[in-house]
Amino acid sequence: MDDKLRLMVAGTELAFRKPEDDTYLRALVAEFNADVSEMQISHTSATKIEAILMVALDYLDDKKKLEKQIGGSR
């Protein structure tokens, strides 16, 4: 029995530890793939890795802004 869930993430197959319900992980991957595709469309000169890095930095920026909001509201 395979305990790995294999998903295509930005064109690369990755193996994840298989959760009981893989719906959430599949949704995350689908959203990430859509964001990378959108980044590639809006930055046509960017390579795939550059698009992936820009998406990752956008996510980190959103996380930091949210942390600052939450921390500032106490």
C-alpha atoms as a PDB file:
ATOM      1  CA  MET A   1       0.000   0.000   0.000  1.00  0.00           C
ATOM      2  CA  ASP A   2       1.398   3.386  -1.053  1.00  0.00           C
ATOM      3  CA  ASP A   3       1.441   5.856   1.847  1.00  0.00           C
ATOM      4  CA  LYS A   4       2.413   8.749  -0.448  1.00  0.00           C
ATOM      5  CA  LEU A   5       0.193  11.139  -2.343  1.00  0.00           C
ATOM      6  CA  ARG A   6       1.840  12.282  -5.552  1.00  0.00           C
ATOM      7  CA  LEU A   7       0.771  15.660  -6.896  1.00  0.00           C
ATOM      8  CA  MET A   8       2.019  17.914  -9.690  1.00  0.00           C
ATOM      9  CA  VAL A   9       3.171  21.188  -8.167  1.00  0.00           C
ATOM     10  CA  ALA A  10       4.171  23.829 -10.716  1.00  0.00           C
ATOM     11  CA  GLY A  11       5.020  21.082 -13.192  1.00  0.00           C
ATOM     12  CA  THR A  12       7.035  18.948 -10.780  1.00  0.00           C
ATOM     13  CA  GLU A  13       5.715  15.756  -9.212  1.00  0.00           C
ATOM     14  CA  LEU A  14       6.066  15.827  -5.442  1.00  0.00           C
ATOM     15  CA  ALA A  15       5.316  13.040  -2.976  1.00  0.00           C
ATOM     16  CA  PHE A  16       3.494  13.973   0.217  1.00  0.00           C
ATOM     17  CA  ARG A  17       2.708  11.837   3.216  1.00  0.00           C
ATOM     18  CA  LYS A  18      -0.832  10.678   2.458  1.00  0.00           C
ATOM     19  CA  PRO A  19      -3.409  12.280   4.764  1.00  0.00           C
ATOM     20  CA  GLU A  20      -6.696  10.611   5.677  1.00  0.00           C
ATOM     21  CA  ASP A  21      -8.522  13.218   3.597  1.00  0.00           C
ATOM     22  CA  ASP A  22      -6.424  14.672   0.798  1.00  0.00           C
ATOM     23  CA  THR A  23      -9.014  17.290  -0.245  1.00  0.00           C
ATOM     24  CA  TYR A  24      -7.292  20.159   1.590  1.00  0.00           C
ATOM     25  CA  LEU A  25      -3.828  19.382   0.217  1.00  0.00           C
ATOM     26  CA  ARG A  26      -5.182  19.001  -3.319  1.00  0.00           C
ATOM     27  CA  ALA A  27      -6.918  22.374  -2.986  1.00  0.00           C
ATOM     28  CA  LEU A  28      -3.697  24.038  -1.787  1.00  0.00           C
ATOM     29  CA  VAL A  29      -1.771  22.604  -4.729  1.00  0.00           C
ATOM     30  CA  ALA A  30      -4.472  23.665  -7.185  1.00  0.00           C
ATOM     31  CA  GLU A  31      -4.429  27.227  -5.812  1.00  0.00           C
ATOM     32  CA  PHE A  32      -0.635  27.358  -5.895  1.00  0.00           C
ATOM     33  CA  ASN A  33      -0.560  26.071  -9.482  1.00  0.00           C
ATOM     34  CA  ALA A  34      -3.132  28.694 -10.504  1.00  0.00           C
ATOM     35  CA  ASP A  35      -1.111  31.447  -8.810  1.00  0.00           C
ATOM     36  CA  VAL A  36       2.096  30.337 -10.541  1.00  0.00           C
ATOM     37  CA  SER A  37       0.309  30.228 -13.910  1.00  0.00           C
ATOM     38  CA  GLU A  38      -1.110  33.704 -13.332  1.00  0.00           C
ATOM     39  CA  MET A  39       2.345  34.996 -12.400  1.00  0.00           C
ATOM     40  CA  GLN A  40       3.829  33.481 -15.564  1.00  0.00           C
ATOM     41  CA  ILE A  41       1.122  35.160 -17.659  1.00  0.00           C
ATOM     42  CA  SER A  42       1.597  38.567 -16.041  1.00  0.00           C
ATOM     43  CA  HIS A  43       5.416  38.360 -16.118  1.00  0.00           C
ATOM     44  CA  THR A  44       6.043  36.792 -19.517  1.00  0.00           C
ATOM     45  CA  SER A  45       9.823  37.190 -19.338  1.00  0.00           C
ATOM     46  CA  ALA A  46      10.045  35.332 -15.994  1.00  0.00           C
ATOM     47  CA  THR A  47      11.250  31.750 -15.940  1.00  0.00           C
ATOM     48  CA  LYS A  48       9.159  29.135 -14.150  1.00  0.00           C
ATOM     49  CA  ILE A  49      11.428  29.216 -11.100  1.00  0.00           C
ATOM     50  CA  GLU A  50      11.248  33.008 -11.004  1.00  0.00           C
ATOM     51  CA  ALA A  51       7.432  32.826 -11.106  1.00  0.00           C
ATOM     52  CA  ILE A  52       7.448  30.240  -8.301  1.00  0.00           C
ATOM     53  CA  LEU A  53       9.737  32.429  -6.198  1.00  0.00           C
ATOM     54  CA  MET A  54       7.588  35.520  -6.798  1.00  0.00           C
ATOM     55  CA  VAL A  55       4.476  33.607  -5.699  1.00  0.00           C
ATOM     56  CA  ALA A  56       6.290  32.332  -2.602  1.00  0.00           C
ATOM     57  CA  LEU A  57       7.396  35.879  -1.730  1.00  0.00           C
ATOM     58  CA  ASP A  58       3.831  37.151  -2.249  1.00  0.00           C
ATOM     59  CA  TYR A  59       2.594  34.479   0.179  1.00  0.00           C
ATOM     60  CA  LEU A  60       5.277  35.415   2.715  1.00  0.00           C
ATOM     61  CA  ASP A  61       4.404  39.099   2.361  1.00  0.00           C
ATOM     62  CA  ASP A  62       0.725  38.329   2.984  1.00  0.00           C
ATOM     63  CA  LYS A  63       1.652  36.227   6.025  1.00  0.00           C
ATOM     64  CA  LYS A  64       3.850  38.971   7.523  1.00  0.00           C
ATOM     65  CA  LYS A  65       1.163  41.628   6.965  1.00  0.00           C
ATOM     66  CA  LEU A  66      -1.447  39.399   8.605  1.00  0.00           C
ATOM     67  CA  GLU A  67       0.848  38.689  11.569  1.00  0.00           C
ATOM     68  CA  LYS A  68       1.405  42.425  11.988  1.00  0.00           C
ATOM     69  CA  GLN A  69      -2.360  43.060  11.860  1.00  0.00           C
ATOM     70  CA  ILE A  70      -3.107  40.351  14.399  1.00  0.00           C
ATOM     71  CA  GLY A  71      -0.264  41.405  16.659  1.00  0.00           C
ATOM     72  CA  GLY A  72      -1.286  45.062  16.481  1.00  0.00           C
ATOM     73  CA  SER A  73      -4.923  44.404  17.343  1.00  0.00           C
ATOM     74  CA  ARG A  74      -4.283  43.002  20.821  1.00  0.00           C
END
